[in-house]
Amino acid sequence: MLIRVFADNVLEFDGARYRCALGKGGVRADKKEGDGATPVGRFPLRKLYIRRDRIPAVETALPVSDIAPDDGWCDDPAEPAYNTLVKLPFAGSHEKMFRDDHLYDLVIEIGHNCSPPVPGAGSAVFIHLAKPEYAPTEGCVALARDDLVALLKRWGLDTEIEIVAGNS
């Protein structure tokens, strides 16, 4: 199954179109750490991370892990754990996965720059919940909660996401 994401903030899946937010740095083939861009390419969906205290259950064929208060994601190219889940406290630069806002209540790890990670080529590229008014992300794909919950029912390890620089 293929998810297609276009630079004009449209996600298409199985004939349906959804509004999404993309990176404030645009959609780029030459993704770099900290550029705020959403990377061009075709990538697998790897795992769903969920805040069970906020969303007790969702239906999906993806592997699921609970987000704990001490979970982070390393975005430090100098660290051996670059672009992986880490436990906090963590000395290197990282994102907190257990956030006060709701953006990471549902987080899908996109298999970008992971086999193995190339330092500086971008980290923490996820599908997550959108901010109000679909404000741009730091490089992720963001969807409305209801849309993401509905789509998760149909996504599994055979699902890939293709992010393209063109418009829908």
N, C-alpha and C. Protein backbone atom coordinates (compact mmCIF):
# COMPACT_ATOMS: atom_id res chain seq x y z
N MET A 1 0.85 -1.18 0.00
CA MET A 1 0.00 0.00 0.00
C MET A 1 0.89 1.24 0.00
N LEU A 2 0.45 2.25 -0.71
CA LEU A 2 1.27 3.44 -0.87
C LEU A 2 0.51 4.70 -0.45
N ILE A 3 1.14 5.46 0.43
CA ILE A 3 0.69 6.79 0.80
C ILE A 3 1.49 7.76 -0.06
N ARG A 4 0.83 8.72 -0.67
CA ARG A 4 1.55 9.74 -1.44
C ARG A 4 1.32 11.09 -0.78
N VAL A 5 2.40 11.83 -0.60
CA VAL A 5 2.35 13.15 0.02
C VAL A 5 2.93 14.15 -0.97
N PHE A 6 2.21 15.25 -1.16
CA PHE A 6 2.60 16.26 -2.14
C PHE A 6 2.95 17.58 -1.45
N ALA A 7 3.78 18.36 -2.12
CA ALA A 7 4.29 19.61 -1.56
C ALA A 7 3.20 20.63 -1.27
N ASP A 8 2.02 20.48 -1.87
CA ASP A 8 0.92 21.42 -1.61
C ASP A 8 0.05 20.96 -0.44
N ASN A 9 0.66 20.21 0.49
CA ASN A 9 0.01 19.82 1.75
C ASN A 9 -1.17 18.89 1.55
N VAL A 10 -1.01 17.95 0.64
CA VAL A 10 -2.05 16.94 0.38
C VAL A 10 -1.43 15.56 0.57
N LEU A 11 -2.13 14.72 1.33
CA LEU A 11 -1.78 13.31 1.48
C LEU A 11 -2.87 12.51 0.79
N GLU A 12 -2.47 11.60 -0.09
CA GLU A 12 -3.43 10.73 -0.78
C GLU A 12 -3.20 9.29 -0.35
N PHE A 13 -4.31 8.60 -0.09
CA PHE A 13 -4.24 7.18 0.21
C PHE A 13 -5.50 6.51 -0.27
N ASP A 14 -5.33 5.50 -1.09
CA ASP A 14 -6.44 4.68 -1.57
C ASP A 14 -7.57 5.52 -2.17
N GLY A 15 -7.21 6.52 -2.96
CA GLY A 15 -8.19 7.34 -3.65
C GLY A 15 -8.75 8.51 -2.86
N ALA A 16 -8.42 8.60 -1.58
CA ALA A 16 -8.92 9.71 -0.75
C ALA A 16 -7.79 10.71 -0.52
N ARG A 17 -8.18 11.97 -0.34
CA ARG A 17 -7.22 13.06 -0.11
C ARG A 17 -7.45 13.66 1.27
N TYR A 18 -6.33 13.99 1.93
CA TYR A 18 -6.36 14.56 3.28
C TYR A 18 -5.46 15.78 3.33
N ARG A 19 -5.89 16.78 4.07
CA ARG A 19 -5.02 17.93 4.31
C ARG A 19 -3.93 17.50 5.29
N CYS A 20 -2.71 17.96 5.05
CA CYS A 20 -1.61 17.68 5.98
C CYS A 20 -0.71 18.90 6.08
N ALA A 21 0.12 18.90 7.10
CA ALA A 21 1.15 19.92 7.25
C ALA A 21 2.49 19.27 6.94
N LEU A 22 3.38 20.05 6.35
CA LEU A 22 4.72 19.58 6.01
C LEU A 22 5.75 20.54 6.61
N GLY A 23 7.01 20.25 6.38
CA GLY A 23 8.09 21.02 6.98
C GLY A 23 8.13 22.48 6.56
N LYS A 24 8.50 23.32 7.52
CA LYS A 24 8.61 24.76 7.26
C LYS A 24 9.72 25.06 6.26
N GLY A 25 10.64 24.10 6.05
CA GLY A 25 11.71 24.26 5.08
C GLY A 25 11.37 23.72 3.70
N GLY A 26 10.09 23.36 3.50
CA GLY A 26 9.66 22.84 2.21
C GLY A 26 9.88 21.34 2.11
N VAL A 27 9.81 20.84 0.88
CA VAL A 27 10.01 19.42 0.58
C VAL A 27 11.28 19.34 -0.25
N ARG A 28 12.29 18.62 0.28
CA ARG A 28 13.62 18.66 -0.34
C ARG A 28 14.22 17.27 -0.50
N ALA A 29 14.90 17.08 -1.62
CA ALA A 29 15.62 15.82 -1.85
C ALA A 29 16.92 15.78 -1.06
N ASP A 30 17.46 16.94 -0.71
CA ASP A 30 18.74 17.00 0.01
C ASP A 30 18.53 17.35 1.48
N LYS A 31 17.65 16.64 2.14
CA LYS A 31 17.33 16.83 3.55
C LYS A 31 18.60 16.84 4.40
N LYS A 32 18.69 17.83 5.31
CA LYS A 32 19.80 17.94 6.26
C LYS A 32 19.24 18.18 7.65
N GLU A 33 19.98 17.78 8.65
CA GLU A 33 19.56 17.98 10.04
C GLU A 33 19.31 19.45 10.31
N GLY A 34 18.15 19.76 10.88
CA GLY A 34 17.83 21.11 11.30
C GLY A 34 17.30 22.02 10.22
N ASP A 35 17.14 21.54 8.98
CA ASP A 35 16.69 22.43 7.90
C ASP A 35 15.17 22.62 7.88
N GLY A 36 14.45 21.86 8.69
CA GLY A 36 12.99 21.99 8.72
C GLY A 36 12.29 21.45 7.50
N ALA A 37 13.00 20.73 6.65
CA ALA A 37 12.42 20.22 5.40
C ALA A 37 11.88 18.80 5.59
N THR A 38 10.85 18.50 4.81
CA THR A 38 10.33 17.14 4.71
C THR A 38 11.08 16.46 3.57
N PRO A 39 11.64 15.27 3.81
CA PRO A 39 12.49 14.65 2.78
C PRO A 39 11.70 14.01 1.64
N VAL A 40 12.19 14.24 0.43
CA VAL A 40 11.64 13.57 -0.76
C VAL A 40 12.11 12.12 -0.74
N GLY A 41 11.23 11.22 -1.14
CA GLY A 41 11.62 9.82 -1.26
C GLY A 41 10.49 8.88 -0.90
N ARG A 42 10.80 7.60 -0.99
CA ARG A 42 9.84 6.55 -0.65
C ARG A 42 10.40 5.76 0.53
N PHE A 43 9.61 5.69 1.60
CA PHE A 43 10.09 5.14 2.86
C PHE A 43 9.05 4.21 3.47
N PRO A 44 9.50 3.20 4.23
CA PRO A 44 8.55 2.35 4.94
C PRO A 44 8.02 3.04 6.19
N LEU A 45 6.86 2.60 6.65
CA LEU A 45 6.38 2.96 7.98
C LEU A 45 6.94 1.90 8.92
N ARG A 46 7.53 2.33 10.03
CA ARG A 46 8.24 1.37 10.89
C ARG A 46 7.48 1.01 12.15
N LYS A 47 6.94 2.00 12.86
CA LYS A 47 6.33 1.71 14.15
C LYS A 47 5.44 2.88 14.56
N LEU A 48 4.38 2.57 15.31
CA LEU A 48 3.52 3.57 15.92
C LEU A 48 3.91 3.71 17.39
N TYR A 49 4.13 4.94 17.81
CA TYR A 49 4.34 5.26 19.23
C TYR A 49 3.09 6.00 19.69
N ILE A 50 2.60 5.66 20.89
CA ILE A 50 1.32 6.18 21.34
C ILE A 50 1.39 6.61 22.81
N ARG A 51 0.72 7.73 23.11
CA ARG A 51 0.52 8.18 24.49
C ARG A 51 -0.75 7.54 25.01
N ARG A 52 -0.64 6.43 25.70
CA ARG A 52 -1.81 5.68 26.18
C ARG A 52 -2.60 6.45 27.23
N ASP A 53 -1.97 7.40 27.91
CA ASP A 53 -2.71 8.20 28.89
C ASP A 53 -3.68 9.16 28.20
N ARG A 54 -3.47 9.40 26.91
CA ARG A 54 -4.33 10.31 26.15
C ARG A 54 -5.16 9.59 25.10
N ILE A 55 -4.61 8.55 24.51
CA ILE A 55 -5.31 7.75 23.50
C ILE A 55 -5.14 6.29 23.91
N PRO A 56 -6.11 5.73 24.61
CA PRO A 56 -5.93 4.38 25.17
C PRO A 56 -5.70 3.30 24.12
N ALA A 57 -6.32 3.42 22.96
CA ALA A 57 -6.16 2.35 21.96
C ALA A 57 -6.45 2.89 20.57
N VAL A 58 -5.75 2.33 19.60
CA VAL A 58 -6.06 2.56 18.19
C VAL A 58 -5.91 1.22 17.49
N GLU A 59 -6.62 1.09 16.39
CA GLU A 59 -6.54 -0.13 15.59
C GLU A 59 -5.51 0.09 14.49
N THR A 60 -4.51 -0.80 14.42
CA THR A 60 -3.50 -0.71 13.37
C THR A 60 -2.77 -2.05 13.26
N ALA A 61 -2.22 -2.29 12.09
CA ALA A 61 -1.37 -3.46 11.88
C ALA A 61 0.10 -3.14 12.07
N LEU A 62 0.42 -1.87 12.36
CA LEU A 62 1.80 -1.50 12.65
C LEU A 62 2.20 -1.99 14.03
N PRO A 63 3.48 -2.27 14.24
CA PRO A 63 3.95 -2.52 15.61
C PRO A 63 3.70 -1.27 16.45
N VAL A 64 3.36 -1.46 17.72
CA VAL A 64 3.00 -0.35 18.60
C VAL A 64 3.87 -0.37 19.85
N SER A 65 4.36 0.82 20.23
CA SER A 65 5.08 0.99 21.50
C SER A 65 4.47 2.17 22.24
N ASP A 66 4.35 2.03 23.54
CA ASP A 66 3.87 3.13 24.37
C ASP A 66 4.98 4.16 24.54
N ILE A 67 4.60 5.44 24.54
CA ILE A 67 5.55 6.51 24.82
C ILE A 67 5.60 6.70 26.33
N ALA A 68 6.80 6.63 26.89
CA ALA A 68 7.01 6.80 28.32
C ALA A 68 7.56 8.20 28.60
N PRO A 69 7.40 8.69 29.82
CA PRO A 69 7.91 10.03 30.15
C PRO A 69 9.42 10.19 29.93
N ASP A 70 10.17 9.11 29.94
CA ASP A 70 11.62 9.21 29.75
C ASP A 70 12.06 8.85 28.33
N ASP A 71 11.15 8.90 27.37
CA ASP A 71 11.50 8.63 25.97
C ASP A 71 11.91 9.91 25.25
N GLY A 72 12.96 9.80 24.47
CA GLY A 72 13.42 10.88 23.62
C GLY A 72 13.85 10.32 22.27
N TRP A 73 14.19 11.22 21.35
CA TRP A 73 14.68 10.81 20.03
C TRP A 73 15.94 11.61 19.75
N CYS A 74 17.05 10.91 19.53
CA CYS A 74 18.33 11.58 19.34
C CYS A 74 18.39 12.27 17.98
N ASP A 75 18.68 13.59 18.01
CA ASP A 75 18.86 14.35 16.76
C ASP A 75 20.28 14.95 16.69
N ASP A 76 21.19 14.35 17.42
CA ASP A 76 22.57 14.83 17.49
C ASP A 76 23.46 13.98 16.58
N PRO A 77 23.90 14.55 15.43
CA PRO A 77 24.70 13.76 14.48
C PRO A 77 25.99 13.20 15.07
N ALA A 78 26.48 13.78 16.17
CA ALA A 78 27.73 13.30 16.78
C ALA A 78 27.52 12.09 17.68
N GLU A 79 26.28 11.74 17.95
CA GLU A 79 25.97 10.63 18.86
C GLU A 79 25.80 9.32 18.09
N PRO A 80 26.31 8.22 18.65
CA PRO A 80 26.07 6.90 18.03
C PRO A 80 24.58 6.55 17.94
N ALA A 81 23.76 7.13 18.81
CA ALA A 81 22.32 6.85 18.83
C ALA A 81 21.53 7.76 17.88
N TYR A 82 22.23 8.48 17.01
CA TYR A 82 21.56 9.42 16.09
C TYR A 82 20.38 8.76 15.38
N ASN A 83 19.27 9.48 15.37
CA ASN A 83 18.03 9.07 14.71
C ASN A 83 17.46 7.77 15.27
N THR A 84 17.55 7.62 16.59
CA THR A 84 16.93 6.48 17.26
C THR A 84 16.26 6.93 18.56
N LEU A 85 15.38 6.09 19.06
CA LEU A 85 14.75 6.31 20.35
C LEU A 85 15.80 6.17 21.44
N VAL A 86 15.80 7.10 22.40
CA VAL A 86 16.73 7.07 23.53
C VAL A 86 15.96 7.26 24.83
N LYS A 87 16.58 6.90 25.92
CA LYS A 87 16.00 7.12 27.25
C LYS A 87 16.61 8.39 27.85
N LEU A 88 15.76 9.18 28.47
CA LEU A 88 16.19 10.42 29.11
C LEU A 88 16.48 10.16 30.58
N PRO A 89 17.41 10.86 31.19
CA PRO A 89 18.20 11.93 30.59
C PRO A 89 19.21 11.37 29.57
N PHE A 90 19.48 12.19 28.57
CA PHE A 90 20.39 11.83 27.49
C PHE A 90 21.28 13.04 27.23
N ALA A 91 22.59 12.82 27.19
CA ALA A 91 23.53 13.94 27.10
C ALA A 91 23.47 14.67 25.76
N GLY A 92 23.25 13.95 24.67
CA GLY A 92 23.24 14.57 23.35
C GLY A 92 21.93 15.30 23.07
N SER A 93 21.92 16.06 22.00
CA SER A 93 20.71 16.77 21.58
C SER A 93 19.61 15.76 21.25
N HIS A 94 18.39 16.09 21.65
CA HIS A 94 17.27 15.15 21.46
C HIS A 94 15.94 15.89 21.52
N GLU A 95 14.92 15.23 21.04
CA GLU A 95 13.53 15.67 21.20
C GLU A 95 12.90 14.86 22.31
N LYS A 96 12.01 15.47 23.07
CA LYS A 96 11.20 14.72 24.02
C LYS A 96 10.03 14.11 23.27
N MET A 97 9.78 12.85 23.49
CA MET A 97 8.64 12.18 22.86
C MET A 97 7.36 12.37 23.68
N PHE A 98 7.50 12.49 24.99
CA PHE A 98 6.37 12.66 25.91
C PHE A 98 6.19 14.16 26.10
N ARG A 99 5.32 14.75 25.28
CA ARG A 99 5.20 16.21 25.20
C ARG A 99 3.98 16.72 25.94
N ASP A 100 4.05 18.01 26.31
CA ASP A 100 2.90 18.65 26.96
C ASP A 100 1.78 18.91 25.96
N ASP A 101 2.15 19.26 24.72
CA ASP A 101 1.11 19.45 23.70
C ASP A 101 0.66 18.06 23.20
N HIS A 102 -0.17 18.04 22.20
CA HIS A 102 -0.73 16.76 21.73
C HIS A 102 -0.12 16.26 20.42
N LEU A 103 0.91 16.92 19.92
CA LEU A 103 1.46 16.57 18.61
C LEU A 103 1.95 15.13 18.55
N TYR A 104 2.53 14.64 19.63
CA TYR A 104 3.09 13.29 19.65
C TYR A 104 2.21 12.31 20.42
N ASP A 105 0.94 12.57 20.52
CA ASP A 105 0.04 11.56 21.12
C ASP A 105 0.02 10.31 20.24
N LEU A 106 0.14 10.49 18.94
CA LEU A 106 0.31 9.40 17.97
C LEU A 106 1.49 9.78 17.07
N VAL A 107 2.49 8.93 17.00
CA VAL A 107 3.68 9.21 16.21
C VAL A 107 4.04 7.96 15.42
N ILE A 108 4.14 8.09 14.11
CA ILE A 108 4.58 6.98 13.28
C ILE A 108 6.00 7.27 12.81
N GLU A 109 6.89 6.36 13.10
CA GLU A 109 8.27 6.48 12.64
C GLU A 109 8.32 6.17 11.15
N ILE A 110 8.81 7.13 10.38
CA ILE A 110 9.05 6.95 8.95
C ILE A 110 10.49 6.46 8.79
N GLY A 111 10.69 5.45 7.98
CA GLY A 111 12.02 4.86 7.80
C GLY A 111 12.93 5.70 6.93
N HIS A 112 13.14 6.95 7.32
CA HIS A 112 14.05 7.86 6.62
C HIS A 112 15.39 7.87 7.36
N ASN A 113 16.48 7.70 6.64
CA ASN A 113 17.83 7.79 7.19
C ASN A 113 18.03 6.88 8.41
N CYS A 114 17.75 5.60 8.21
CA CYS A 114 17.81 4.72 9.38
C CYS A 114 18.58 3.42 9.17
N SER A 115 19.03 3.10 8.00
CA SER A 115 19.61 1.77 7.79
C SER A 115 20.94 1.80 7.05
N PRO A 116 22.03 2.21 7.66
CA PRO A 116 22.15 2.86 8.97
C PRO A 116 21.98 4.37 8.82
N PRO A 117 21.76 5.07 9.93
CA PRO A 117 21.64 6.53 9.86
C PRO A 117 22.95 7.18 9.42
N VAL A 118 22.83 8.14 8.53
CA VAL A 118 23.98 8.94 8.10
C VAL A 118 23.97 10.22 8.92
N PRO A 119 25.00 10.47 9.73
CA PRO A 119 25.00 11.67 10.57
C PRO A 119 24.77 12.94 9.74
N GLY A 120 23.80 13.74 10.18
CA GLY A 120 23.50 15.01 9.54
C GLY A 120 22.49 14.94 8.42
N ALA A 121 22.04 13.74 8.03
CA ALA A 121 21.12 13.59 6.91
C ALA A 121 19.65 13.67 7.32
N GLY A 122 19.39 14.04 8.57
CA GLY A 122 18.02 14.22 9.04
C GLY A 122 17.59 13.12 9.98
N SER A 123 16.83 13.55 11.00
CA SER A 123 16.37 12.61 12.02
C SER A 123 14.95 12.97 12.44
N ALA A 124 14.32 12.04 13.15
CA ALA A 124 13.00 12.28 13.74
C ALA A 124 11.98 12.72 12.68
N VAL A 125 11.97 12.05 11.55
CA VAL A 125 10.96 12.32 10.52
C VAL A 125 9.79 11.38 10.79
N PHE A 126 8.69 11.97 11.20
CA PHE A 126 7.52 11.22 11.66
C PHE A 126 6.26 11.64 10.93
N ILE A 127 5.22 10.84 11.08
CA ILE A 127 3.84 11.28 10.87
C ILE A 127 3.29 11.48 12.27
N HIS A 128 2.75 12.66 12.54
CA HIS A 128 2.20 12.93 13.87
C HIS A 128 0.97 13.81 13.74
N LEU A 129 0.42 14.22 14.86
CA LEU A 129 -0.79 15.04 14.85
C LEU A 129 -0.46 16.49 14.49
N ALA A 130 -1.38 17.12 13.78
CA ALA A 130 -1.18 18.48 13.29
C ALA A 130 -1.48 19.51 14.37
N LYS A 131 -0.79 20.64 14.26
CA LYS A 131 -1.10 21.81 15.08
C LYS A 131 -2.39 22.43 14.55
N PRO A 132 -3.02 23.29 15.37
CA PRO A 132 -4.18 24.02 14.85
C PRO A 132 -3.80 24.77 13.57
N GLU A 133 -4.72 24.81 12.65
CA GLU A 133 -4.53 25.49 11.36
C GLU A 133 -3.41 24.85 10.52
N TYR A 134 -2.97 23.65 10.89
CA TYR A 134 -1.96 22.93 10.12
C TYR A 134 -0.68 23.75 9.94
N ALA A 135 -0.22 24.35 11.02
CA ALA A 135 1.04 25.10 10.98
C ALA A 135 2.16 24.17 10.54
N PRO A 136 3.17 24.71 9.85
CA PRO A 136 4.26 23.86 9.36
C PRO A 136 4.98 23.12 10.49
N THR A 137 5.57 21.99 10.14
CA THR A 137 6.30 21.14 11.08
C THR A 137 7.80 21.42 10.97
N GLU A 138 8.57 20.66 11.73
CA GLU A 138 10.04 20.73 11.65
C GLU A 138 10.59 19.79 10.58
N GLY A 139 9.70 19.20 9.77
CA GLY A 139 10.11 18.29 8.71
C GLY A 139 9.26 17.04 8.63
N CYS A 140 8.30 16.94 9.53
CA CYS A 140 7.41 15.78 9.58
C CYS A 140 6.18 16.00 8.70
N VAL A 141 5.36 14.96 8.60
CA VAL A 141 4.04 15.02 7.99
C VAL A 141 3.04 15.00 9.13
N ALA A 142 2.12 15.95 9.18
CA ALA A 142 1.17 16.03 10.29
C ALA A 142 -0.26 16.02 9.76
N LEU A 143 -1.10 15.26 10.45
CA LEU A 143 -2.51 15.07 10.07
C LEU A 143 -3.43 15.38 11.24
N ALA A 144 -4.68 15.68 10.93
CA ALA A 144 -5.70 15.81 11.96
C ALA A 144 -5.85 14.48 12.69
N ARG A 145 -6.16 14.55 13.97
CA ARG A 145 -6.27 13.33 14.78
C ARG A 145 -7.27 12.33 14.18
N ASP A 146 -8.46 12.78 13.83
CA ASP A 146 -9.47 11.87 13.29
C ASP A 146 -8.99 11.20 12.00
N ASP A 147 -8.31 11.97 11.15
CA ASP A 147 -7.79 11.39 9.91
C ASP A 147 -6.72 10.35 10.20
N LEU A 148 -5.80 10.66 11.10
CA LEU A 148 -4.73 9.72 11.40
C LEU A 148 -5.26 8.44 12.04
N VAL A 149 -6.20 8.57 12.96
CA VAL A 149 -6.79 7.38 13.59
C VAL A 149 -7.47 6.50 12.54
N ALA A 150 -8.20 7.11 11.61
CA ALA A 150 -8.87 6.34 10.56
C ALA A 150 -7.86 5.67 9.63
N LEU A 151 -6.81 6.38 9.27
CA LEU A 151 -5.81 5.81 8.37
C LEU A 151 -5.01 4.70 9.02
N LEU A 152 -4.73 4.83 10.30
CA LEU A 152 -3.97 3.79 11.00
C LEU A 152 -4.64 2.42 10.90
N LYS A 153 -5.95 2.40 10.82
CA LYS A 153 -6.68 1.14 10.70
C LYS A 153 -6.30 0.40 9.42
N ARG A 154 -5.80 1.13 8.44
CA ARG A 154 -5.53 0.54 7.12
C ARG A 154 -4.04 0.43 6.82
N TRP A 155 -3.21 0.92 7.71
CA TRP A 155 -1.77 0.90 7.47
C TRP A 155 -1.10 -0.22 8.26
N GLY A 156 -0.05 -0.80 7.64
CA GLY A 156 0.74 -1.83 8.29
C GLY A 156 2.17 -1.79 7.78
N LEU A 157 2.92 -2.82 8.07
CA LEU A 157 4.33 -2.85 7.66
C LEU A 157 4.51 -2.96 6.15
N ASP A 158 3.43 -3.26 5.42
CA ASP A 158 3.50 -3.28 3.96
C ASP A 158 3.20 -1.91 3.36
N THR A 159 2.97 -0.91 4.20
CA THR A 159 2.64 0.44 3.75
C THR A 159 3.91 1.26 3.63
N GLU A 160 4.02 1.99 2.52
CA GLU A 160 5.13 2.92 2.32
C GLU A 160 4.57 4.31 2.10
N ILE A 161 5.40 5.30 2.41
CA ILE A 161 5.04 6.69 2.17
C ILE A 161 6.00 7.24 1.12
N GLU A 162 5.41 7.86 0.11
CA GLU A 162 6.21 8.51 -0.94
C GLU A 162 5.95 10.01 -0.86
N ILE A 163 7.01 10.75 -0.59
CA ILE A 163 6.92 12.20 -0.49
C ILE A 163 7.53 12.78 -1.75
N VAL A 164 6.75 13.59 -2.46
CA VAL A 164 7.20 14.14 -3.74
C VAL A 164 7.25 15.66 -3.67
N ALA A 165 8.13 16.24 -4.48
CA ALA A 165 8.31 17.68 -4.48
C ALA A 165 7.21 18.41 -5.25
N GLY A 166 6.49 17.72 -6.10
CA GLY A 166 5.46 18.35 -6.91
C GLY A 166 4.13 18.47 -6.19
N ASN A 167 3.21 19.17 -6.82
CA ASN A 167 1.87 19.35 -6.28
C ASN A 167 0.94 18.23 -6.72
N SER A 168 -0.15 18.09 -5.98
CA SER A 168 -1.11 17.02 -6.26
C SER A 168 -1.91 17.31 -7.53
